[in-house]
N, C-alpha and C. Protein backbone atom coordinates (compact mmCIF):
# COMPACT_ATOMS: atom_id res chain seq x y z
N MET A 1 -137.61 162.96 164.10
CA MET A 1 -138.92 163.16 164.73
C MET A 1 -139.54 164.48 164.27
N HIS A 2 -138.73 165.48 164.09
CA HIS A 2 -139.22 166.78 163.67
C HIS A 2 -139.80 166.72 162.25
N ALA A 3 -139.19 165.93 161.40
CA ALA A 3 -139.66 165.81 160.02
C ALA A 3 -141.03 165.14 159.96
N LYS A 4 -141.27 164.15 160.81
CA LYS A 4 -142.57 163.47 160.83
C LYS A 4 -143.67 164.42 161.28
N LYS A 5 -143.40 165.22 162.30
CA LYS A 5 -144.41 166.17 162.78
C LYS A 5 -144.70 167.22 161.72
N LEU A 6 -143.65 167.69 161.06
CA LEU A 6 -143.82 168.68 160.00
C LEU A 6 -144.61 168.10 158.83
N ASP A 7 -144.35 166.83 158.50
CA ASP A 7 -145.07 166.17 157.42
C ASP A 7 -146.56 166.01 157.77
N LYS A 8 -146.84 165.61 158.99
CA LYS A 8 -148.24 165.46 159.41
C LYS A 8 -148.96 166.81 159.43
N LEU A 9 -148.27 167.85 159.85
CA LEU A 9 -148.86 169.18 159.86
C LEU A 9 -149.15 169.67 158.44
N ALA A 10 -148.22 169.46 157.55
CA ALA A 10 -148.42 169.87 156.16
C ALA A 10 -149.56 169.09 155.53
N THR A 11 -149.63 167.81 155.82
CA THR A 11 -150.72 166.99 155.29
C THR A 11 -152.06 167.48 155.82
N ALA A 12 -152.13 167.79 157.09
CA ALA A 12 -153.37 168.28 157.68
C ALA A 12 -153.78 169.61 157.05
N VAL A 13 -152.82 170.48 156.83
CA VAL A 13 -153.13 171.78 156.21
C VAL A 13 -153.65 171.57 154.80
N LEU A 14 -153.00 170.73 154.02
CA LEU A 14 -153.45 170.48 152.65
C LEU A 14 -154.84 169.83 152.62
N TYR A 15 -155.10 168.89 153.53
CA TYR A 15 -156.42 168.28 153.60
C TYR A 15 -157.48 169.31 153.98
N THR A 16 -157.15 170.22 154.86
CA THR A 16 -158.10 171.26 155.25
C THR A 16 -158.41 172.19 154.08
N ILE A 17 -157.38 172.58 153.34
CA ILE A 17 -157.60 173.41 152.15
C ILE A 17 -158.46 172.67 151.14
N MET A 18 -158.20 171.37 150.94
CA MET A 18 -158.97 170.58 149.99
C MET A 18 -160.44 170.48 150.43
N ARG A 19 -160.67 170.27 151.70
CA ARG A 19 -162.05 170.16 152.19
C ARG A 19 -162.80 171.48 152.04
N CYS A 20 -162.12 172.58 152.31
CA CYS A 20 -162.77 173.89 152.12
C CYS A 20 -163.10 174.12 150.65
N HIS A 21 -162.19 173.75 149.78
CA HIS A 21 -162.42 173.93 148.34
C HIS A 21 -163.59 173.06 147.88
N ARG A 22 -163.63 171.81 148.32
CA ARG A 22 -164.76 170.94 147.96
C ARG A 22 -166.07 171.46 148.52
N GLY A 23 -166.04 172.01 149.72
CA GLY A 23 -167.25 172.58 150.30
C GLY A 23 -167.77 173.76 149.52
N HIS A 24 -166.85 174.63 149.08
CA HIS A 24 -167.28 175.76 148.25
C HIS A 24 -167.85 175.29 146.93
N LEU A 25 -167.21 174.33 146.30
CA LEU A 25 -167.74 173.82 145.03
C LEU A 25 -169.11 173.18 145.20
N ALA A 26 -169.27 172.41 146.27
CA ALA A 26 -170.56 171.76 146.51
C ALA A 26 -171.64 172.80 146.79
N SER A 27 -171.32 173.84 147.53
CA SER A 27 -172.33 174.86 147.82
C SER A 27 -172.71 175.63 146.56
N PHE A 28 -171.74 175.93 145.70
CA PHE A 28 -172.07 176.61 144.45
C PHE A 28 -172.91 175.74 143.55
N ASP A 29 -172.60 174.45 143.49
CA ASP A 29 -173.40 173.53 142.69
C ASP A 29 -174.83 173.45 143.21
N SER A 30 -174.98 173.34 144.52
CA SER A 30 -176.32 173.23 145.07
C SER A 30 -177.11 174.53 144.90
N LEU A 31 -176.44 175.67 145.00
CA LEU A 31 -177.14 176.93 144.76
C LEU A 31 -177.58 177.03 143.30
N TYR A 32 -176.72 176.60 142.39
CA TYR A 32 -177.08 176.65 140.97
C TYR A 32 -178.27 175.74 140.69
N LEU A 33 -178.23 174.53 141.24
CA LEU A 33 -179.35 173.62 141.04
C LEU A 33 -180.62 174.15 141.69
N GLY A 34 -180.48 174.73 142.86
CA GLY A 34 -181.65 175.27 143.53
C GLY A 34 -182.28 176.41 142.77
N GLU A 35 -181.46 177.23 142.13
CA GLU A 35 -182.00 178.38 141.42
C GLU A 35 -182.55 178.01 140.06
N ARG A 36 -181.84 177.19 139.31
CA ARG A 36 -182.20 176.92 137.93
C ARG A 36 -183.19 175.77 137.76
N VAL A 37 -182.98 174.71 138.51
CA VAL A 37 -183.74 173.48 138.25
C VAL A 37 -185.05 173.44 139.02
N THR A 38 -185.05 173.96 140.23
CA THR A 38 -186.23 173.83 141.08
C THR A 38 -187.45 174.50 140.47
N ALA A 39 -187.27 175.64 139.86
CA ALA A 39 -188.41 176.34 139.26
C ALA A 39 -189.03 175.51 138.15
N HIS A 40 -188.20 174.93 137.30
CA HIS A 40 -188.72 174.11 136.21
C HIS A 40 -189.36 172.83 136.74
N LEU A 41 -188.76 172.26 137.76
CA LEU A 41 -189.30 171.03 138.32
C LEU A 41 -190.66 171.26 138.97
N LEU A 42 -190.79 172.36 139.70
CA LEU A 42 -192.07 172.63 140.35
C LEU A 42 -193.17 172.91 139.34
N VAL A 43 -192.85 173.57 138.26
CA VAL A 43 -193.85 173.80 137.22
C VAL A 43 -194.28 172.48 136.61
N PHE A 44 -193.33 171.59 136.37
CA PHE A 44 -193.66 170.28 135.80
C PHE A 44 -194.51 169.45 136.75
N LEU A 45 -194.22 169.51 138.03
CA LEU A 45 -194.98 168.72 139.00
C LEU A 45 -196.37 169.30 139.23
N ASP A 46 -196.54 170.58 139.02
CA ASP A 46 -197.81 171.22 139.34
C ASP A 46 -198.78 171.25 138.17
N TRP A 47 -198.33 171.02 136.95
CA TRP A 47 -199.24 171.02 135.81
C TRP A 47 -200.22 169.87 135.92
N LYS A 48 -201.38 170.05 135.32
CA LYS A 48 -202.34 168.95 135.27
C LYS A 48 -201.76 167.84 134.40
N SER A 49 -201.97 166.63 134.82
CA SER A 49 -201.44 165.51 134.05
C SER A 49 -202.30 165.26 132.82
N SER A 50 -201.66 164.82 131.78
CA SER A 50 -202.36 164.56 130.54
C SER A 50 -201.67 163.39 129.85
N SER A 51 -202.39 162.31 129.65
CA SER A 51 -201.79 161.14 129.02
C SER A 51 -201.91 161.17 127.51
N TYR A 52 -202.69 162.07 126.97
CA TYR A 52 -202.89 162.09 125.52
C TYR A 52 -202.28 163.33 124.87
N GLN A 53 -201.67 164.20 125.63
CA GLN A 53 -201.00 165.38 125.08
C GLN A 53 -199.57 165.43 125.59
N ALA A 54 -198.71 166.01 124.79
CA ALA A 54 -197.32 166.18 125.21
C ALA A 54 -197.22 167.33 126.20
N GLY A 55 -196.31 167.20 127.16
CA GLY A 55 -196.06 168.30 128.09
C GLY A 55 -196.91 168.28 129.33
N GLY A 56 -197.63 167.22 129.59
CA GLY A 56 -198.45 167.17 130.79
C GLY A 56 -197.61 166.89 132.03
N GLY A 57 -198.09 167.35 133.17
CA GLY A 57 -197.37 167.13 134.42
C GLY A 57 -197.67 165.75 134.99
N ILE A 58 -197.14 165.49 136.15
CA ILE A 58 -197.30 164.17 136.77
C ILE A 58 -197.92 164.30 138.16
N ARG A 59 -198.73 165.32 138.38
CA ARG A 59 -199.29 165.58 139.71
C ARG A 59 -200.15 164.40 140.18
N ILE A 60 -201.09 163.95 139.36
CA ILE A 60 -202.00 162.89 139.78
C ILE A 60 -201.26 161.57 139.95
N GLN A 61 -200.30 161.29 139.08
CA GLN A 61 -199.55 160.04 139.20
C GLN A 61 -198.74 160.02 140.49
N LEU A 62 -198.15 161.16 140.86
CA LEU A 62 -197.41 161.21 142.12
C LEU A 62 -198.34 161.02 143.31
N TYR A 63 -199.50 161.66 143.26
CA TYR A 63 -200.46 161.51 144.35
C TYR A 63 -200.87 160.04 144.49
N ASN A 64 -201.19 159.40 143.37
CA ASN A 64 -201.59 158.00 143.42
C ASN A 64 -200.47 157.11 143.94
N SER A 65 -199.24 157.40 143.54
CA SER A 65 -198.12 156.60 144.01
C SER A 65 -197.96 156.70 145.52
N PHE A 66 -197.99 157.92 146.06
CA PHE A 66 -197.85 158.08 147.50
C PHE A 66 -199.07 157.54 148.25
N PHE A 67 -200.24 157.67 147.68
CA PHE A 67 -201.45 157.13 148.29
C PHE A 67 -201.36 155.61 148.41
N LEU A 68 -200.98 154.97 147.32
CA LEU A 68 -200.83 153.51 147.37
C LEU A 68 -199.70 153.07 148.28
N PHE A 69 -198.62 153.83 148.30
CA PHE A 69 -197.51 153.50 149.20
C PHE A 69 -197.95 153.58 150.65
N GLY A 70 -198.73 154.61 150.99
CA GLY A 70 -199.21 154.74 152.37
C GLY A 70 -200.13 153.60 152.77
N HIS A 71 -201.03 153.20 151.88
CA HIS A 71 -201.91 152.08 152.20
C HIS A 71 -201.15 150.77 152.28
N TYR A 72 -200.20 150.59 151.39
CA TYR A 72 -199.39 149.37 151.42
C TYR A 72 -198.56 149.31 152.69
N LEU A 73 -197.99 150.44 153.11
CA LEU A 73 -197.21 150.49 154.32
C LEU A 73 -198.09 150.22 155.54
N ASN A 74 -199.29 150.76 155.55
CA ASN A 74 -200.23 150.52 156.64
C ASN A 74 -200.58 149.04 156.74
N TYR A 75 -200.84 148.42 155.60
CA TYR A 75 -201.15 147.00 155.56
C TYR A 75 -199.98 146.16 156.04
N LEU A 76 -198.77 146.49 155.58
CA LEU A 76 -197.61 145.71 155.96
C LEU A 76 -197.31 145.84 157.44
N CYS A 77 -197.44 147.05 158.00
CA CYS A 77 -197.16 147.22 159.42
C CYS A 77 -198.15 146.41 160.26
N ALA A 78 -199.41 146.44 159.88
CA ALA A 78 -200.40 145.65 160.62
C ALA A 78 -200.12 144.16 160.48
N PHE A 79 -199.72 143.74 159.30
CA PHE A 79 -199.41 142.33 159.07
C PHE A 79 -198.19 141.88 159.86
N ILE A 80 -197.16 142.72 159.89
CA ILE A 80 -195.93 142.36 160.61
C ILE A 80 -196.17 142.34 162.11
N TYR A 81 -196.83 143.38 162.64
CA TYR A 81 -197.06 143.42 164.08
C TYR A 81 -198.01 142.31 164.51
N GLY A 82 -198.98 142.00 163.69
CA GLY A 82 -199.88 140.91 164.02
C GLY A 82 -199.19 139.56 163.93
N GLY A 83 -198.21 139.45 163.04
CA GLY A 83 -197.52 138.18 162.85
C GLY A 83 -196.64 137.79 164.02
N TRP A 84 -195.97 138.74 164.63
CA TRP A 84 -195.08 138.36 165.71
C TRP A 84 -195.75 138.41 167.07
N ARG A 85 -197.02 138.80 167.14
CA ARG A 85 -197.74 138.81 168.41
C ARG A 85 -198.67 137.61 168.55
N ILE A 86 -198.49 136.64 167.70
CA ILE A 86 -199.32 135.45 167.80
C ILE A 86 -198.94 134.67 169.06
N PRO A 87 -199.91 134.33 169.90
CA PRO A 87 -199.57 133.55 171.10
C PRO A 87 -199.09 132.16 170.74
N ARG A 88 -198.13 131.67 171.47
CA ARG A 88 -197.57 130.34 171.18
C ARG A 88 -197.82 129.39 172.31
C-alpha cells in the first residue's frame, strides 16, 4: 500500500513539473508572437488596400467582410425567429 501512495505522489509531482514547464513555454511563445508579429500584422491591416500594386493592405476587404457578415447574420436571425413563430 505504501508503494502505491508513493507512486501516485511521484506521478503527481512529475505532472505538476511538466505543467509548469509547458506553461512557461507557452507564455514565452505568446510573448514572442505578441512582440514580433503583432506590429507587422497591424501595419499590414492598416495600410490602404490596393488591388493593382504589390504590398497593399486588406483594410477595406476586412471591413466589407464583416459588414456583409453582420447583414447576413441579421437576415438569418430574423428569418429563423420568424420561422418558428408561425401560428399553427
